[in-house]
């Protein structure tokens, strides 16, 4: 099963200020703020929804096709993804814009001042999925993740026109979308991904009930935080899968992306929905134990030992055949 993953490609530049922002602010001069903070360190991390999901799928050996836009500064990031099993041949490189970037400074009170530069991400709307499909010999599923909003709409419409099954995954972009856009993006999706809060927001913005949304999508996949995930289909009992036991909780950033990577990899292997969700939950557990969205490793023996402990021998035997 050939899966394309569309979504943002970005880097995070994270800095730490040893003092307090509040001590630098003058109440009656806030209308003319001009401040510069001398920071202690700079941590540059690879990120972006599309790249995070593709990275996890690459580790699981499913060779995803990453579809997104980046700048000429993407070379080192591309090499990293290539080394970890991602097909980056369909990433558009902008001639004038840098790769999207989040720059954030955190003070000693954990307050943050940040800026997000969309950069080349805005050119994702120029990517034709047909050219991607032609290059790789066809697509069986397109995961449409948070990206340039125009790109998300265009990719969705192209999937419908060309009869390519797609997964709708709004994540961070749902806050800026209105009901009409959300209705367009989810109608006819084979899979609809969201967390619990986003689930309620989708229903509120579209005006559609849970039952109405289930009638418009093949599967509704809702992550439940520490409680795992629930998969719903119209007229059928839901499938619920719990999380694997975590060894520590280091950083929740990227956990949802890791779940999607594992779930989509299970689909690529052809295992059932429950198994795919179990793989997703296991991969998400590895991410929450690591600082950074692409800093975890997948040692197959270790992965399978923990997977077996969480989900049993029968599940492990089926998944191990695909990881070997």
C-alpha atoms as a PDB file:
ATOM      1  CA  UNK A   1       0.000   0.000   0.000  1.00  0.00           C
ATOM      2  CA  UNK A   2       1.516   3.300  -1.127  1.00  0.00           C
ATOM      3  CA  UNK A   3       0.756   6.209   1.213  1.00  0.00           C
ATOM      4  CA  UNK A   4       1.520   9.885   0.608  1.00  0.00           C
ATOM      5  CA  UNK A   5       1.737  12.172   3.620  1.00  0.00           C
ATOM      6  CA  UNK A   6       1.000  15.841   2.994  1.00  0.00           C
ATOM      7  CA  UNK A   7       1.646  18.432   5.676  1.00  0.00           C
ATOM      8  CA  UNK A   8       3.994  21.044   7.043  1.00  0.00           C
ATOM      9  CA  UNK A   9       7.779  20.771   7.029  1.00  0.00           C
ATOM     10  CA  UNK A  10       9.420  23.042   9.584  1.00  0.00           C
ATOM     11  CA  UNK A  11      12.244  23.538  12.037  1.00  0.00           C
ATOM     12  CA  UNK A  12      11.912  24.715  15.639  1.00  0.00           C
ATOM     13  CA  UNK A  13      14.488  27.123  17.077  1.00  0.00           C
ATOM     14  CA  UNK A  14      14.082  26.979  20.850  1.00  0.00           C
ATOM     15  CA  UNK A  15      15.947  29.334  23.210  1.00  0.00           C
ATOM     16  CA  UNK A  16      16.045  29.777  26.982  1.00  0.00           C
ATOM     17  CA  UNK A  17      16.211  33.132  28.760  1.00  0.00           C
ATOM     18  CA  UNK A  18      17.500  32.727  32.343  1.00  0.00           C
ATOM     19  CA  UNK A  19      15.475  35.669  33.664  1.00  0.00           C
ATOM     20  CA  UNK A  20      11.812  36.671  33.731  1.00  0.00           C
ATOM     21  CA  UNK A  21      10.110  38.482  30.860  1.00  0.00           C
ATOM     22  CA  UNK A  22       7.902  40.263  33.403  1.00  0.00           C
ATOM     23  CA  UNK A  23      10.930  41.989  34.937  1.00  0.00           C
ATOM     24  CA  UNK A  24      11.777  43.569  31.587  1.00  0.00           C
ATOM     25  CA  UNK A  25       8.344  45.056  30.889  1.00  0.00           C
ATOM     26  CA  UNK A  26       7.449  48.621  31.853  1.00  0.00           C
ATOM     27  CA  UNK A  27       3.688  48.919  32.338  1.00  0.00           C
ATOM     28  CA  UNK A  28       3.229  52.403  30.858  1.00  0.00           C
ATOM     29  CA  UNK A  29       5.577  51.732  27.907  1.00  0.00           C
ATOM     30  CA  UNK A  30       4.034  48.564  26.486  1.00  0.00           C
ATOM     31  CA  UNK A  31       2.915  50.459  23.394  1.00  0.00           C
ATOM     32  CA  UNK A  32       6.576  51.031  22.436  1.00  0.00           C
ATOM     33  CA  UNK A  33       8.206  47.743  23.451  1.00  0.00           C
ATOM     34  CA  UNK A  34      11.783  47.312  22.235  1.00  0.00           C
ATOM     35  CA  UNK A  35      13.559  44.421  23.948  1.00  0.00           C
ATOM     36  CA  UNK A  36      16.411  42.044  23.265  1.00  0.00           C
ATOM     37  CA  UNK A  37      17.079  38.980  25.436  1.00  0.00           C
ATOM     38  CA  UNK A  38      20.505  37.376  25.834  1.00  0.00           C
ATOM     39  CA  UNK A  39      19.698  33.662  25.840  1.00  0.00           C
ATOM     40  CA  UNK A  40      21.652  30.753  27.286  1.00  0.00           C
ATOM     41  CA  UNK A  41      21.260  28.161  24.546  1.00  0.00           C
ATOM     42  CA  UNK A  42      19.748  27.384  21.175  1.00  0.00           C
ATOM     43  CA  UNK A  43      18.106  24.051  20.415  1.00  0.00           C
ATOM     44  CA  UNK A  44      17.253  23.447  16.757  1.00  0.00           C
ATOM     45  CA  UNK A  45      14.847  20.579  16.151  1.00  0.00           C
ATOM     46  CA  UNK A  46      13.307  19.084  13.039  1.00  0.00           C
ATOM     47  CA  UNK A  47       9.520  19.201  12.928  1.00  0.00           C
ATOM     48  CA  UNK A  48       6.382  19.871  10.950  1.00  0.00           C
ATOM     49  CA  UNK A  49       3.320  17.618  10.937  1.00  0.00           C
ATOM     50  CA  UNK A  50       3.997  16.028   7.562  1.00  0.00           C
ATOM     51  CA  UNK A  51       7.667  15.398   8.245  1.00  0.00           C
ATOM     52  CA  UNK A  52       6.989  14.011  11.740  1.00  0.00           C
ATOM     53  CA  UNK A  53       4.453  11.483  10.460  1.00  0.00           C
ATOM     54  CA  UNK A  54       6.632  10.476   7.527  1.00  0.00           C
ATOM     55  CA  UNK A  55       9.654  10.022   9.823  1.00  0.00           C
ATOM     56  CA  UNK A  56       7.747   7.571  12.042  1.00  0.00           C
ATOM     57  CA  UNK A  57       6.484   5.623   9.042  1.00  0.00           C
ATOM     58  CA  UNK A  58      10.007   5.496   7.671  1.00  0.00           C
ATOM     59  CA  UNK A  59      11.281   3.962  10.905  1.00  0.00           C
ATOM     60  CA  UNK A  60       8.596   1.283  10.590  1.00  0.00           C
ATOM     61  CA  UNK A  61       9.753   0.508   7.058  1.00  0.00           C
ATOM     62  CA  UNK A  62       6.679   1.586   5.089  1.00  0.00           C
ATOM     63  CA  UNK A  63       8.520   4.076   2.833  1.00  0.00           C
ATOM     64  CA  UNK A  64       6.016   6.982   2.891  1.00  0.00           C
ATOM     65  CA  UNK A  65       5.996   9.688   0.226  1.00  0.00           C
ATOM     66  CA  UNK A  66       6.362  13.102   1.874  1.00  0.00           C
ATOM     67  CA  UNK A  67       4.461  15.867   0.048  1.00  0.00           C
ATOM     68  CA  UNK A  68       5.098  19.439   1.154  1.00  0.00           C
ATOM     69  CA  UNK A  69       7.103  22.578   0.456  1.00  0.00           C
ATOM     70  CA  UNK A  70      10.463  23.645   1.871  1.00  0.00           C
ATOM     71  CA  UNK A  71      13.226  26.140   1.103  1.00  0.00           C
ATOM     72  CA  UNK A  72      16.727  25.842  -0.302  1.00  0.00           C
ATOM     73  CA  UNK A  73      17.878  25.324   3.299  1.00  0.00           C
ATOM     74  CA  UNK A  74      16.166  21.904   3.301  1.00  0.00           C
ATOM     75  CA  UNK A  75      19.220  19.885   2.201  1.00  0.00           C
ATOM     76  CA  UNK A  76      20.347  18.688   5.643  1.00  0.00           C
ATOM     77  CA  UNK A  77      16.771  17.945   6.712  1.00  0.00           C
ATOM     78  CA  UNK A  78      16.183  16.031   3.465  1.00  0.00           C
ATOM     79  CA  UNK A  79      19.269  13.900   4.087  1.00  0.00           C
ATOM     80  CA  UNK A  80      18.000  13.079   7.584  1.00  0.00           C
ATOM     81  CA  UNK A  81      14.603  11.964   6.269  1.00  0.00           C
ATOM     82  CA  UNK A  82      16.136  10.015   3.385  1.00  0.00           C
ATOM     83  CA  UNK A  83      18.356   8.120   5.833  1.00  0.00           C
ATOM     84  CA  UNK A  84      15.294   7.185   7.863  1.00  0.00           C
ATOM     85  CA  UNK A  85      13.260   5.685   5.039  1.00  0.00           C
ATOM     86  CA  UNK A  86      11.238   8.638   3.757  1.00  0.00           C
ATOM     87  CA  UNK A  87      10.728   9.290   0.036  1.00  0.00           C
ATOM     88  CA  UNK A  88      11.376  13.054  -0.258  1.00  0.00           C
ATOM     89  CA  UNK A  89      11.265  13.160  -4.038  1.00  0.00           C
ATOM     90  CA  UNK A  90       7.946  15.053  -4.047  1.00  0.00           C
ATOM     91  CA  UNK A  91       8.982  17.869  -1.696  1.00  0.00           C
ATOM     92  CA  UNK A  92       8.745  21.179  -3.555  1.00  0.00           C
ATOM     93  CA  UNK A  93      11.744  23.465  -3.038  1.00  0.00           C
ATOM     94  CA  UNK A  94      10.956  27.184  -3.115  1.00  0.00           C
ATOM     95  CA  UNK A  95      13.305  29.431  -5.075  1.00  0.00           C
ATOM     96  CA  UNK A  96      12.667  32.458  -2.857  1.00  0.00           C
ATOM     97  CA  UNK A  97      11.431  31.356   0.590  1.00  0.00           C
ATOM     98  CA  UNK A  98      13.021  29.557   3.535  1.00  0.00           C
ATOM     99  CA  UNK A  99      11.609  26.430   5.155  1.00  0.00           C
ATOM    100  CA  UNK A 100       8.875  27.211   7.698  1.00  0.00           C
ATOM    101  CA  UNK A 101      10.294  28.033  11.104  1.00  0.00           C
ATOM    102  CA  UNK A 102       9.098  28.402  14.677  1.00  0.00           C
ATOM    103  CA  UNK A 103      11.327  30.633  16.834  1.00  0.00           C
ATOM    104  CA  UNK A 104      10.562  30.619  20.550  1.00  0.00           C
ATOM    105  CA  UNK A 105      12.186  31.934  23.740  1.00  0.00           C
ATOM    106  CA  UNK A 106      11.163  30.553  27.136  1.00  0.00           C
ATOM    107  CA  UNK A 107      11.914  32.378  30.387  1.00  0.00           C
ATOM    108  CA  UNK A 108      12.567  30.989  33.870  1.00  0.00           C
ATOM    109  CA  UNK A 109       8.824  31.086  34.649  1.00  0.00           C
ATOM    110  CA  UNK A 110       8.101  28.996  31.514  1.00  0.00           C
ATOM    111  CA  UNK A 111       6.465  31.950  29.766  1.00  0.00           C
ATOM    112  CA  UNK A 112       7.099  31.972  26.039  1.00  0.00           C
ATOM    113  CA  UNK A 113       7.475  34.514  23.242  1.00  0.00           C
ATOM    114  CA  UNK A 114       7.386  32.889  19.837  1.00  0.00           C
ATOM    115  CA  UNK A 115       6.927  33.570  16.145  1.00  0.00           C
ATOM    116  CA  UNK A 116       5.990  31.207  13.304  1.00  0.00           C
ATOM    117  CA  UNK A 117       7.295  31.943   9.824  1.00  0.00           C
ATOM    118  CA  UNK A 118       5.268  30.044   7.221  1.00  0.00           C
ATOM    119  CA  UNK A 119       7.807  30.624   4.469  1.00  0.00           C
ATOM    120  CA  UNK A 120       7.870  27.968   1.783  1.00  0.00           C
ATOM    121  CA  UNK A 121       4.873  26.185   3.301  1.00  0.00           C
ATOM    122  CA  UNK A 122       2.673  28.622   1.367  1.00  0.00           C
ATOM    123  CA  UNK A 123       3.842  26.993  -1.889  1.00  0.00           C
ATOM    124  CA  UNK A 124       2.427  23.582  -0.947  1.00  0.00           C
ATOM    125  CA  UNK A 125      -0.774  24.659  -2.732  1.00  0.00           C
ATOM    126  CA  UNK A 126       1.172  24.465  -6.025  1.00  0.00           C
ATOM    127  CA  UNK A 127       1.839  20.720  -5.709  1.00  0.00           C
ATOM    128  CA  UNK A 128      -0.219  18.443  -7.963  1.00  0.00           C
ATOM    129  CA  UNK A 129      -0.916  15.023  -6.486  1.00  0.00           C
ATOM    130  CA  UNK A 130      -1.143  13.549  -9.987  1.00  0.00           C
ATOM    131  CA  UNK A 131       2.550  14.253 -10.539  1.00  0.00           C
ATOM    132  CA  UNK A 132       3.306  12.583  -7.215  1.00  0.00           C
ATOM    133  CA  UNK A 133       1.191   9.564  -8.135  1.00  0.00           C
ATOM    134  CA  UNK A 134       2.789   9.290 -11.574  1.00  0.00           C
ATOM    135  CA  UNK A 135       6.282   9.425 -10.093  1.00  0.00           C
ATOM    136  CA  UNK A 136       5.730   6.590  -7.597  1.00  0.00           C
ATOM    137  CA  UNK A 137       3.426   4.417  -9.700  1.00  0.00           C
ATOM    138  CA  UNK A 138       0.121   5.239  -8.011  1.00  0.00           C
ATOM    139  CA  UNK A 139      -1.201   6.150  -4.568  1.00  0.00           C
ATOM    140  CA  UNK A 140      -3.507   4.056  -2.381  1.00  0.00           C
ATOM    141  CA  UNK A 141      -4.074   6.687   0.322  1.00  0.00           C
ATOM    142  CA  UNK A 142      -3.229  10.350   0.880  1.00  0.00           C
ATOM    143  CA  UNK A 143      -3.019  11.651   4.449  1.00  0.00           C
ATOM    144  CA  UNK A 144      -3.878  15.359   4.357  1.00  0.00           C
ATOM    145  CA  UNK A 145      -2.361  16.936   7.455  1.00  0.00           C
ATOM    146  CA  UNK A 146      -1.978  20.482   8.776  1.00  0.00           C
ATOM    147  CA  UNK A 147      -0.386  22.607   6.080  1.00  0.00           C
ATOM    148  CA  UNK A 148      -1.064  25.729   4.068  1.00  0.00           C
ATOM    149  CA  UNK A 149      -4.912  25.877   4.194  1.00  0.00           C
ATOM    150  CA  UNK A 150      -5.215  26.349   0.435  1.00  0.00           C
ATOM    151  CA  UNK A 151      -3.011  23.302  -0.076  1.00  0.00           C
ATOM    152  CA  UNK A 152      -5.220  21.217   2.212  1.00  0.00           C
ATOM    153  CA  UNK A 153      -8.324  22.190   0.256  1.00  0.00           C
ATOM    154  CA  UNK A 154      -6.657  21.596  -3.110  1.00  0.00           C
ATOM    155  CA  UNK A 155      -5.279  18.175  -2.151  1.00  0.00           C
ATOM    156  CA  UNK A 156      -8.683  17.129  -0.810  1.00  0.00           C
ATOM    157  CA  UNK A 157     -10.506  18.165  -3.964  1.00  0.00           C
ATOM    158  CA  UNK A 158      -7.907  16.457  -6.152  1.00  0.00           C
ATOM    159  CA  UNK A 159      -8.263  13.224  -4.190  1.00  0.00           C
ATOM    160  CA  UNK A 160     -12.012  13.331  -4.742  1.00  0.00           C
ATOM    161  CA  UNK A 161     -11.652  14.112  -8.447  1.00  0.00           C
ATOM    162  CA  UNK A 162      -9.104  11.348  -9.048  1.00  0.00           C
ATOM    163  CA  UNK A 163     -10.760   8.800  -6.776  1.00  0.00           C
ATOM    164  CA  UNK A 164      -7.835   8.521  -4.367  1.00  0.00           C
ATOM    165  CA  UNK A 165      -8.841   7.580  -0.793  1.00  0.00           C
ATOM    166  CA  UNK A 166      -7.769  10.239   1.714  1.00  0.00           C
ATOM    167  CA  UNK A 167      -7.453  10.827   5.434  1.00  0.00           C
ATOM    168  CA  UNK A 168      -8.509  14.198   6.874  1.00  0.00           C
ATOM    169  CA  UNK A 169      -6.255  15.417   9.678  1.00  0.00           C
ATOM    170  CA  UNK A 170      -6.691  19.129  10.483  1.00  0.00           C
ATOM    171  CA  UNK A 171      -4.802  19.238  13.835  1.00  0.00           C
ATOM    172  CA  UNK A 172      -3.280  22.718  14.377  1.00  0.00           C
ATOM    173  CA  UNK A 173      -5.126  24.317  11.470  1.00  0.00           C
ATOM    174  CA  UNK A 174      -8.597  23.601  12.805  1.00  0.00           C
ATOM    175  CA  UNK A 175      -8.540  26.767  14.939  1.00  0.00           C
ATOM    176  CA  UNK A 176      -8.348  29.027  11.896  1.00  0.00           C
ATOM    177  CA  UNK A 177     -10.816  27.118   9.717  1.00  0.00           C
ATOM    178  CA  UNK A 178     -14.509  27.908   9.480  1.00  0.00           C
ATOM    179  CA  UNK A 179     -17.337  25.422   9.276  1.00  0.00           C
ATOM    180  CA  UNK A 180     -17.559  25.466   5.469  1.00  0.00           C
ATOM    181  CA  UNK A 181     -13.870  24.608   5.077  1.00  0.00           C
ATOM    182  CA  UNK A 182     -14.046  21.793   7.595  1.00  0.00           C
ATOM    183  CA  UNK A 183     -17.136  20.333   5.919  1.00  0.00           C
ATOM    184  CA  UNK A 184     -15.287  20.314   2.572  1.00  0.00           C
ATOM    185  CA  UNK A 185     -12.174  18.711   4.038  1.00  0.00           C
ATOM    186  CA  UNK A 186     -13.867  15.859   5.876  1.00  0.00           C
ATOM    187  CA  UNK A 187     -16.727  14.901   3.548  1.00  0.00           C
ATOM    188  CA  UNK A 188     -15.897  11.553   1.962  1.00  0.00           C
ATOM    189  CA  UNK A 189     -12.697  10.967   3.931  1.00  0.00           C
ATOM    190  CA  UNK A 190     -11.781   7.333   4.473  1.00  0.00           C
ATOM    191  CA  UNK A 191     -10.316   8.318   7.845  1.00  0.00           C
ATOM    192  CA  UNK A 192     -10.925  11.387  10.007  1.00  0.00           C
ATOM    193  CA  UNK A 193      -8.258  11.993  12.677  1.00  0.00           C
ATOM    194  CA  UNK A 194      -8.638  14.259  15.691  1.00  0.00           C
ATOM    195  CA  UNK A 195      -8.128  14.387  19.429  1.00  0.00           C
ATOM    196  CA  UNK A 196     -11.076  14.704  21.839  1.00  0.00           C
ATOM    197  CA  UNK A 197     -11.042  18.497  21.933  1.00  0.00           C
ATOM    198  CA  UNK A 198     -10.773  18.768  18.152  1.00  0.00           C
ATOM    199  CA  UNK A 199     -13.657  16.292  17.824  1.00  0.00           C
ATOM    200  CA  UNK A 200     -15.912  18.674  19.730  1.00  0.00           C
ATOM    201  CA  UNK A 201     -14.632  21.654  17.769  1.00  0.00           C
ATOM    202  CA  UNK A 202     -15.336  19.916  14.454  1.00  0.00           C
ATOM    203  CA  UNK A 203     -18.909  19.232  15.521  1.00  0.00           C
ATOM    204  CA  UNK A 204     -19.381  22.794  16.825  1.00  0.00           C
ATOM    205  CA  UNK A 205     -17.998  24.504  13.712  1.00  0.00           C
ATOM    206  CA  UNK A 206     -19.726  22.281  11.141  1.00  0.00           C
ATOM    207  CA  UNK A 207     -23.028  22.087  13.000  1.00  0.00           C
ATOM    208  CA  UNK A 208     -23.012  18.334  12.306  1.00  0.00           C
ATOM    209  CA  UNK A 209     -23.665  15.819  15.052  1.00  0.00           C
ATOM    210  CA  UNK A 210     -21.357  12.896  15.745  1.00  0.00           C
ATOM    211  CA  UNK A 211     -23.787  10.613  13.887  1.00  0.00           C
ATOM    212  CA  UNK A 212     -23.910  12.930  10.873  1.00  0.00           C
ATOM    213  CA  UNK A 213     -20.127  13.070  10.668  1.00  0.00           C
ATOM    214  CA  UNK A 214     -19.888   9.274  10.923  1.00  0.00           C
ATOM    215  CA  UNK A 215     -22.237   9.037   7.945  1.00  0.00           C
ATOM    216  CA  UNK A 216     -19.857  11.169   5.885  1.00  0.00           C
ATOM    217  CA  UNK A 217     -16.536   9.418   6.665  1.00  0.00           C
ATOM    218  CA  UNK A 218     -15.404   5.823   6.590  1.00  0.00           C
ATOM    219  CA  UNK A 219     -13.714   5.774   9.991  1.00  0.00           C
ATOM    220  CA  UNK A 220     -13.479   8.342  12.775  1.00  0.00           C
ATOM    221  CA  UNK A 221     -10.222   7.965  14.712  1.00  0.00           C
ATOM    222  CA  UNK A 222     -10.147   9.926  17.975  1.00  0.00           C
ATOM    223  CA  UNK A 223      -7.076   9.956  20.192  1.00  0.00           C
ATOM    224  CA  UNK A 224      -7.907  10.040  23.900  1.00  0.00           C
ATOM    225  CA  UNK A 225      -4.620  11.058  25.495  1.00  0.00           C
ATOM    226  CA  UNK A 226      -3.535   8.654  28.219  1.00  0.00           C
ATOM    227  CA  UNK A 227      -6.644   6.520  27.530  1.00  0.00           C
ATOM    228  CA  UNK A 228      -5.502   5.553  24.025  1.00  0.00           C
ATOM    229  CA  UNK A 229      -7.709   5.788  20.949  1.00  0.00           C
ATOM    230  CA  UNK A 230     -11.246   5.074  19.756  1.00  0.00           C
ATOM    231  CA  UNK A 231     -12.145   4.088  16.181  1.00  0.00           C
ATOM    232  CA  UNK A 232     -15.775   4.460  15.119  1.00  0.00           C
ATOM    233  CA  UNK A 233     -17.671   3.341  12.013  1.00  0.00           C
ATOM    234  CA  UNK A 234     -21.317   3.954  11.257  1.00  0.00           C
ATOM    235  CA  UNK A 235     -23.491   1.067  12.382  1.00  0.00           C
ATOM    236  CA  UNK A 236     -20.659  -0.835  14.116  1.00  0.00           C
ATOM    237  CA  UNK A 237     -19.324  -1.103  17.632  1.00  0.00           C
ATOM    238  CA  UNK A 238     -16.328   1.152  18.309  1.00  0.00           C
ATOM    239  CA  UNK A 239     -12.829  -0.245  18.643  1.00  0.00           C
ATOM    240  CA  UNK A 240     -10.925   1.016  21.667  1.00  0.00           C
ATOM    241  CA  UNK A 241      -7.189   0.512  22.216  1.00  0.00           C
ATOM    242  CA  UNK A 242      -5.280   1.552  25.316  1.00  0.00           C
ATOM    243  CA  UNK A 243      -1.795   3.011  25.532  1.00  0.00           C
ATOM    244  CA  UNK A 244       1.301   0.945  26.172  1.00  0.00           C
ATOM    245  CA  UNK A 245       2.860   1.578  29.572  1.00  0.00           C
ATOM    246  CA  UNK A 246       5.349   4.440  29.435  1.00  0.00           C
ATOM    247  CA  UNK A 247       8.717   4.333  31.166  1.00  0.00           C
ATOM    248  CA  UNK A 248       8.815   8.093  31.671  1.00  0.00           C
ATOM    249  CA  UNK A 249       7.095  11.234  30.398  1.00  0.00           C
ATOM    250  CA  UNK A 250       9.648  13.574  28.828  1.00  0.00           C
ATOM    251  CA  UNK A 251       7.785  15.651  26.223  1.00  0.00           C
ATOM    252  CA  UNK A 252       4.263  15.260  24.739  1.00  0.00           C
ATOM    253  CA  UNK A 253       5.112  17.210  21.572  1.00  0.00           C
ATOM    254  CA  UNK A 254       4.651  15.063  18.468  1.00  0.00           C
ATOM    255  CA  UNK A 255       2.793  12.222  20.199  1.00  0.00           C
ATOM    256  CA  UNK A 256      -0.242  12.606  17.941  1.00  0.00           C
ATOM    257  CA  UNK A 257       1.948  12.587  14.842  1.00  0.00           C
ATOM    258  CA  UNK A 258       3.627   9.385  16.029  1.00  0.00           C
ATOM    259  CA  UNK A 259       0.254   7.698  16.551  1.00  0.00           C
ATOM    260  CA  UNK A 260      -0.730   8.573  13.006  1.00  0.00           C
ATOM    261  CA  UNK A 261       2.593   7.235  11.710  1.00  0.00           C
ATOM    262  CA  UNK A 262       2.024   3.895  13.423  1.00  0.00           C
ATOM    263  CA  UNK A 263      -1.621   3.668  12.420  1.00  0.00           C
ATOM    264  CA  UNK A 264      -0.911   4.485   8.775  1.00  0.00           C
ATOM    265  CA  UNK A 265       1.948   1.973   8.754  1.00  0.00           C
ATOM    266  CA  UNK A 266      -0.449  -0.688  10.006  1.00  0.00           C
ATOM    267  CA  UNK A 267      -2.767   0.155   7.124  1.00  0.00           C
ATOM    268  CA  UNK A 268       0.161  -0.110   4.717  1.00  0.00           C
ATOM    269  CA  UNK A 269       0.958  -3.576   6.094  1.00  0.00           C
ATOM    270  CA  UNK A 270      -2.653  -4.655   5.675  1.00  0.00           C
ATOM    271  CA  UNK A 271      -3.308  -5.489   9.334  1.00  0.00           C
ATOM    272  CA  UNK A 272      -6.698  -4.784  10.909  1.00  0.00           C
ATOM    273  CA  UNK A 273      -7.774  -1.527  12.493  1.00  0.00           C
ATOM    274  CA  UNK A 274      -7.153  -2.731  16.049  1.00  0.00           C
ATOM    275  CA  UNK A 275      -3.596  -3.818  15.223  1.00  0.00           C
ATOM    276  CA  UNK A 276      -2.907  -0.578  13.381  1.00  0.00           C
ATOM    277  CA  UNK A 277      -4.105   1.405  16.402  1.00  0.00           C
ATOM    278  CA  UNK A 278      -1.912  -0.691  18.695  1.00  0.00           C
ATOM    279  CA  UNK A 279       1.156   0.053  16.570  1.00  0.00           C
ATOM    280  CA  UNK A 280       0.228   3.744  16.661  1.00  0.00           C
ATOM    281  CA  UNK A 281      -0.129   3.758  20.439  1.00  0.00           C
ATOM    282  CA  UNK A 282       3.191   1.955  20.900  1.00  0.00           C
ATOM    283  CA  UNK A 283       5.024   4.435  18.686  1.00  0.00           C
ATOM    284  CA  UNK A 284       3.359   7.347  20.479  1.00  0.00           C
ATOM    285  CA  UNK A 285       4.664   5.964  23.781  1.00  0.00           C
ATOM    286  CA  UNK A 286       8.222   6.030  22.434  1.00  0.00           C
ATOM    287  CA  UNK A 287       7.808   9.691  21.486  1.00  0.00           C
ATOM    288  CA  UNK A 288       6.429  10.824  24.831  1.00  0.00           C
ATOM    289  CA  UNK A 289       9.543   9.330  26.448  1.00  0.00           C
ATOM    290  CA  UNK A 290      11.813  11.477  24.265  1.00  0.00           C
ATOM    291  CA  UNK A 291      12.388  15.231  24.003  1.00  0.00           C
ATOM    292  CA  UNK A 292      11.775  16.224  20.379  1.00  0.00           C
ATOM    293  CA  UNK A 293       9.438  14.941  17.685  1.00  0.00           C
ATOM    294  CA  UNK A 294      12.067  13.037  15.663  1.00  0.00           C
ATOM    295  CA  UNK A 295      14.675  12.212  18.299  1.00  0.00           C
ATOM    296  CA  UNK A 296      13.415   8.742  19.201  1.00  0.00           C
ATOM    297  CA  UNK A 297      14.819   5.491  17.890  1.00  0.00           C
ATOM    298  CA  UNK A 298      13.053   2.265  17.004  1.00  0.00           C
ATOM    299  CA  UNK A 299      14.999  -0.816  18.059  1.00  0.00           C
ATOM    300  CA  UNK A 300      12.847  -3.630  16.772  1.00  0.00           C
ATOM    301  CA  UNK A 301      13.517  -6.142  19.572  1.00  0.00           C
ATOM    302  CA  UNK A 302      12.832  -3.512  22.212  1.00  0.00           C
ATOM    303  CA  UNK A 303       9.731  -2.323  20.346  1.00  0.00           C
ATOM    304  CA  UNK A 304       8.329  -5.845  20.061  1.00  0.00           C
ATOM    305  CA  UNK A 305       9.068  -6.731  23.693  1.00  0.00           C
ATOM    306  CA  UNK A 306       7.080  -3.745  24.868  1.00  0.00           C
ATOM    307  CA  UNK A 307       4.379  -4.288  22.243  1.00  0.00           C
ATOM    308  CA  UNK A 308       3.953  -7.892  23.396  1.00  0.00           C
ATOM    309  CA  UNK A 309       3.691  -6.817  27.033  1.00  0.00           C
ATOM    310  CA  UNK A 310       1.017  -4.259  26.140  1.00  0.00           C
ATOM    311  CA  UNK A 311      -1.084  -6.154  23.611  1.00  0.00           C
ATOM    312  CA  UNK A 312      -0.302  -9.866  23.916  1.00  0.00           C
ATOM    313  CA  UNK A 313       1.361 -12.638  21.937  1.00  0.00           C
ATOM    314  CA  UNK A 314      -1.226 -12.906  19.165  1.00  0.00           C
ATOM    315  CA  UNK A 315      -0.994  -9.215  18.320  1.00  0.00           C
ATOM    316  CA  UNK A 316       2.787  -9.317  18.516  1.00  0.00           C
ATOM    317  CA  UNK A 317       3.080 -12.292  16.169  1.00  0.00           C
ATOM    318  CA  UNK A 318       1.078 -10.494  13.513  1.00  0.00           C
ATOM    319  CA  UNK A 319       3.020  -7.224  13.802  1.00  0.00           C
ATOM    320  CA  UNK A 320       6.443  -8.878  14.085  1.00  0.00           C
ATOM    321  CA  UNK A 321       6.028 -10.402  10.615  1.00  0.00           C
ATOM    322  CA  UNK A 322       5.997  -6.897   9.141  1.00  0.00           C
ATOM    323  CA  UNK A 323       8.829  -5.481  11.252  1.00  0.00           C
ATOM    324  CA  UNK A 324      11.269  -8.336  10.610  1.00  0.00           C
END
